[in-house]
Amino acid sequence: MAGERKSKYHSHVEPKLLLIEAWARDGAIEEDISKKLGVAYSTFKIYKDKYSALSAALKRGKEVADVEVENSLFKRAIGYEYTEKKYVQVEMSEEEYDLHQQIAVNRYKLDHPEATMIELRAIELGVTRYKMMLVEEKTKEVSPDTTAQIFWLKNRRPDKWRDKQEVNHSGSVDVNNPYSGLTTDELRKLIRDG
């Protein structure tokens, strides 16, 4: 038809469904995803409604991200332990250094069978004489976070933990007003006379 624009779904979106899922999993919002695809956000929303493969990819990605955040929040709420490792840079022995050079040269030869002696020598000289050595390993504890606990409980058990409680009052409210029987003129006289 004349004037009808061709959809970018099959060229810009469909081939990248796995990538879209990964972006959603990494926390990208739909507006950013549409920009990465070169598609207007309004068009992206239409595609999401029209093509179930796109909405499914977004849903799968978001579910993974949501589970990871939930797990992290729960971990913060109850506290956890982790291992901290400390490394220092140390010089290799001559034998170890020679071995690392030989490994680097052999790997390069596999990828570049036509390599010259000059290229191989450059690879050999590019190997560092130092390595990282683990010198200390500590188990550390992160205390439970009360803010995370409050957030978790308010969202998981709102019936017990939300701030606003609903109260039903079925009786009457009586107000004891000693001036309720006075007229406006009598009230003004009281104010004037003090």
Protein backbone atom coordinates (compact mmCIF):
# COMPACT_ATOMS: atom_id res chain seq x y z
CA MET A 1 0.00 0.00 0.00
CA ALA A 2 1.12 3.52 -0.66
CA GLY A 3 2.33 5.44 2.40
CA GLU A 4 2.57 2.40 4.69
CA ARG A 5 5.83 2.19 6.63
CA LYS A 6 7.67 -1.10 6.88
CA SER A 7 7.90 -2.56 10.38
CA LYS A 8 11.34 -2.70 11.97
CA TYR A 9 10.34 -5.66 14.13
CA HIS A 10 11.70 -8.35 11.80
CA SER A 11 14.93 -6.48 11.02
CA HIS A 12 15.76 -4.67 14.29
CA VAL A 13 14.01 -6.57 17.09
CA GLU A 14 13.39 -10.23 16.26
CA PRO A 15 17.05 -11.12 15.52
CA LYS A 16 18.03 -9.68 18.91
CA LEU A 17 15.51 -11.39 21.22
CA LEU A 18 18.25 -13.14 23.24
CA LEU A 19 20.11 -9.87 23.59
CA ILE A 20 16.88 -8.13 24.66
CA GLU A 21 16.39 -10.80 27.33
CA ALA A 22 19.95 -10.25 28.54
CA TRP A 23 19.48 -6.47 28.66
CA ALA A 24 16.29 -6.90 30.69
CA ARG A 25 18.10 -9.34 32.99
CA ASP A 26 20.86 -6.76 33.48
CA GLY A 27 18.25 -4.22 34.58
CA ALA A 28 17.82 -2.13 31.42
CA ILE A 29 14.43 -0.43 31.21
CA GLU A 30 12.30 -0.83 28.10
CA GLU A 31 12.95 2.73 26.93
CA ASP A 32 16.71 2.09 26.94
CA ILE A 33 16.24 -1.24 25.16
CA SER A 34 14.23 0.45 22.41
CA LYS A 35 17.02 3.03 21.95
CA LYS A 36 19.64 0.27 21.68
CA LEU A 37 17.52 -1.35 18.98
CA GLY A 38 17.03 1.88 17.05
CA VAL A 39 13.26 1.73 17.48
CA ALA A 40 11.03 4.48 18.91
CA TYR A 41 9.77 3.66 22.40
CA SER A 42 6.13 4.08 21.30
CA THR A 43 6.74 1.57 18.49
CA PHE A 44 8.53 -0.77 20.90
CA LYS A 45 5.43 -0.81 23.15
CA ILE A 46 3.27 -1.69 20.13
CA TYR A 47 5.66 -4.53 19.20
CA LYS A 48 5.53 -5.79 22.78
CA ASP A 49 1.73 -6.06 22.57
CA LYS A 50 1.75 -7.46 19.03
CA TYR A 51 4.59 -10.01 19.22
CA SER A 52 4.49 -12.54 22.06
CA ALA A 53 8.14 -13.51 21.50
CA LEU A 54 9.25 -9.99 22.47
CA SER A 55 7.06 -9.78 25.56
CA ALA A 56 8.21 -13.28 26.61
CA ALA A 57 11.89 -12.33 26.22
CA LEU A 58 11.37 -9.21 28.34
CA LYS A 59 9.46 -11.19 30.97
CA ARG A 60 12.12 -13.91 31.22
CA GLY A 61 14.89 -11.33 31.57
CA LYS A 62 13.03 -9.29 34.18
CA GLU A 63 12.16 -12.40 36.21
CA VAL A 64 15.83 -13.35 36.49
CA ALA A 65 16.74 -9.82 37.58
CA ASP A 66 13.88 -9.73 40.08
CA VAL A 67 14.94 -13.05 41.61
CA GLU A 68 18.54 -11.84 41.93
CA VAL A 69 17.39 -8.65 43.67
CA GLU A 70 15.06 -10.61 45.95
CA ASN A 71 17.89 -12.96 46.87
CA SER A 72 20.23 -10.03 47.58
CA LEU A 73 17.60 -8.27 49.69
CA PHE A 74 16.94 -11.44 51.67
CA LYS A 75 20.67 -11.97 52.16
CA ARG A 76 21.03 -8.39 53.49
CA ALA A 77 18.02 -8.85 55.76
CA ILE A 78 19.35 -11.99 57.47
CA GLY A 79 23.08 -11.24 57.28
CA TYR A 80 25.73 -13.33 55.59
CA GLU A 81 29.38 -14.33 55.53
CA TYR A 82 31.87 -13.90 52.72
CA THR A 83 35.52 -14.69 52.15
CA GLU A 84 37.93 -11.84 51.60
CA LYS A 85 41.15 -12.76 49.80
CA LYS A 86 44.31 -10.69 49.79
CA TYR A 87 46.86 -11.10 46.99
CA VAL A 88 50.35 -9.70 46.54
CA GLN A 89 52.51 -9.55 43.45
CA VAL A 90 55.61 -11.79 43.66
CA GLU A 91 58.37 -12.57 41.20
CA MET A 92 58.28 -16.03 39.62
CA SER A 93 61.16 -18.43 39.86
CA GLU A 94 63.27 -18.68 36.69
CA GLU A 95 61.83 -22.15 35.92
CA GLU A 96 58.25 -20.95 36.37
CA TYR A 97 58.89 -17.85 34.23
CA ASP A 98 60.43 -20.00 31.45
CA LEU A 99 57.39 -22.31 31.57
CA HIS A 100 54.96 -19.36 31.26
CA GLN A 101 56.93 -18.01 28.31
CA GLN A 102 56.84 -21.41 26.58
CA ILE A 103 53.08 -21.73 27.16
CA ALA A 104 52.49 -18.24 25.71
CA VAL A 105 54.62 -19.00 22.64
CA ASN A 106 52.89 -22.36 22.05
CA ARG A 107 49.42 -20.76 22.29
CA TYR A 108 50.48 -18.07 19.83
CA LYS A 109 51.86 -20.71 17.43
CA LEU A 110 48.53 -22.56 17.50
CA ASP A 111 46.64 -19.41 16.53
CA HIS A 112 49.35 -18.14 14.15
CA PRO A 113 51.13 -21.11 12.49
CA GLU A 114 53.01 -18.78 10.12
CA ALA A 115 54.46 -16.64 12.95
CA THR A 116 58.01 -15.39 12.47
CA MET A 117 60.81 -15.76 15.02
CA ILE A 118 60.58 -12.02 15.71
CA GLU A 119 56.85 -12.31 16.53
CA LEU A 120 57.50 -15.34 18.76
CA ARG A 121 60.31 -13.50 20.56
CA ALA A 122 57.97 -10.53 21.14
CA ILE A 123 55.39 -12.87 22.68
CA GLU A 124 58.08 -14.44 24.85
CA LEU A 125 59.28 -11.03 26.08
CA GLY A 126 55.69 -9.91 26.71
CA VAL A 127 55.23 -12.44 29.50
CA THR A 128 55.42 -10.79 32.90
CA ARG A 129 57.90 -12.03 35.51
CA TYR A 130 55.32 -11.56 38.26
CA LYS A 131 52.32 -13.49 39.48
CA MET A 132 49.65 -12.83 42.05
CA MET A 133 49.94 -14.96 45.18
CA LEU A 134 47.21 -15.45 47.79
CA VAL A 135 48.66 -14.42 51.16
CA GLU A 136 45.59 -14.06 53.35
CA GLU A 137 42.05 -15.38 53.42
CA LYS A 138 39.52 -14.13 55.98
CA THR A 139 35.89 -14.96 56.56
CA LYS A 140 33.95 -11.79 57.25
CA GLU A 141 30.42 -11.37 58.51
CA VAL A 142 27.86 -8.80 57.40
CA SER A 143 25.29 -8.12 60.11
CA PRO A 144 21.58 -8.24 59.28
CA ASP A 145 20.31 -4.93 57.93
CA THR A 146 17.19 -3.67 59.74
CA THR A 147 16.16 -1.47 56.80
CA ALA A 148 16.18 -4.51 54.52
CA GLN A 149 14.22 -6.46 57.15
CA ILE A 150 11.57 -3.73 57.40
CA PHE A 151 11.28 -3.51 53.61
CA TRP A 152 11.01 -7.29 53.30
CA LEU A 153 8.35 -7.60 55.99
CA LYS A 154 6.26 -4.66 54.76
CA ASN A 155 6.14 -6.18 51.29
CA ARG A 156 5.85 -9.85 52.22
CA ARG A 157 3.43 -9.44 55.14
CA PRO A 158 1.63 -6.11 54.67
CA ASP A 159 -1.26 -7.36 56.83
CA LYS A 160 1.07 -7.35 59.86
CA TRP A 161 3.84 -4.89 59.02
CA ARG A 162 2.58 -1.95 56.98
CA ASP A 163 2.73 1.51 58.56
CA LYS A 164 -0.89 2.44 57.96
CA GLN A 165 -3.32 0.26 59.88
CA GLU A 166 -7.00 0.34 59.01
CA VAL A 167 -9.28 0.81 62.01
CA ASN A 168 -13.05 0.31 61.86
CA HIS A 169 -15.09 2.32 64.37
CA SER A 170 -18.63 1.13 64.86
CA GLY A 171 -19.66 3.29 67.86
CA SER A 172 -20.51 6.95 68.09
CA VAL A 173 -18.17 9.86 68.73
CA ASP A 174 -19.31 12.08 71.62
CA VAL A 175 -17.89 15.56 71.96
CA ASN A 176 -18.19 17.38 75.27
CA ASN A 177 -18.57 21.06 74.27
CA PRO A 178 -19.59 23.34 77.19
CA TYR A 179 -20.44 26.17 74.75
CA SER A 180 -22.73 24.16 72.46
CA GLY A 181 -25.96 25.66 73.88
CA LEU A 182 -24.87 29.31 73.57
CA THR A 183 -25.99 31.66 70.81
CA THR A 184 -23.59 33.63 68.63
CA ASP A 185 -24.28 36.82 70.61
CA GLU A 186 -23.62 35.06 73.92
CA LEU A 187 -20.32 33.67 72.55
CA ARG A 188 -19.25 37.16 71.41
CA LYS A 189 -20.06 38.59 74.85
CA LEU A 190 -17.92 35.89 76.49
CA ILE A 191 -15.02 36.74 74.19
CA ARG A 192 -15.35 40.49 74.86
CA ASP A 193 -15.62 40.14 78.62
CA GLY A 194 -12.80 37.67 78.74
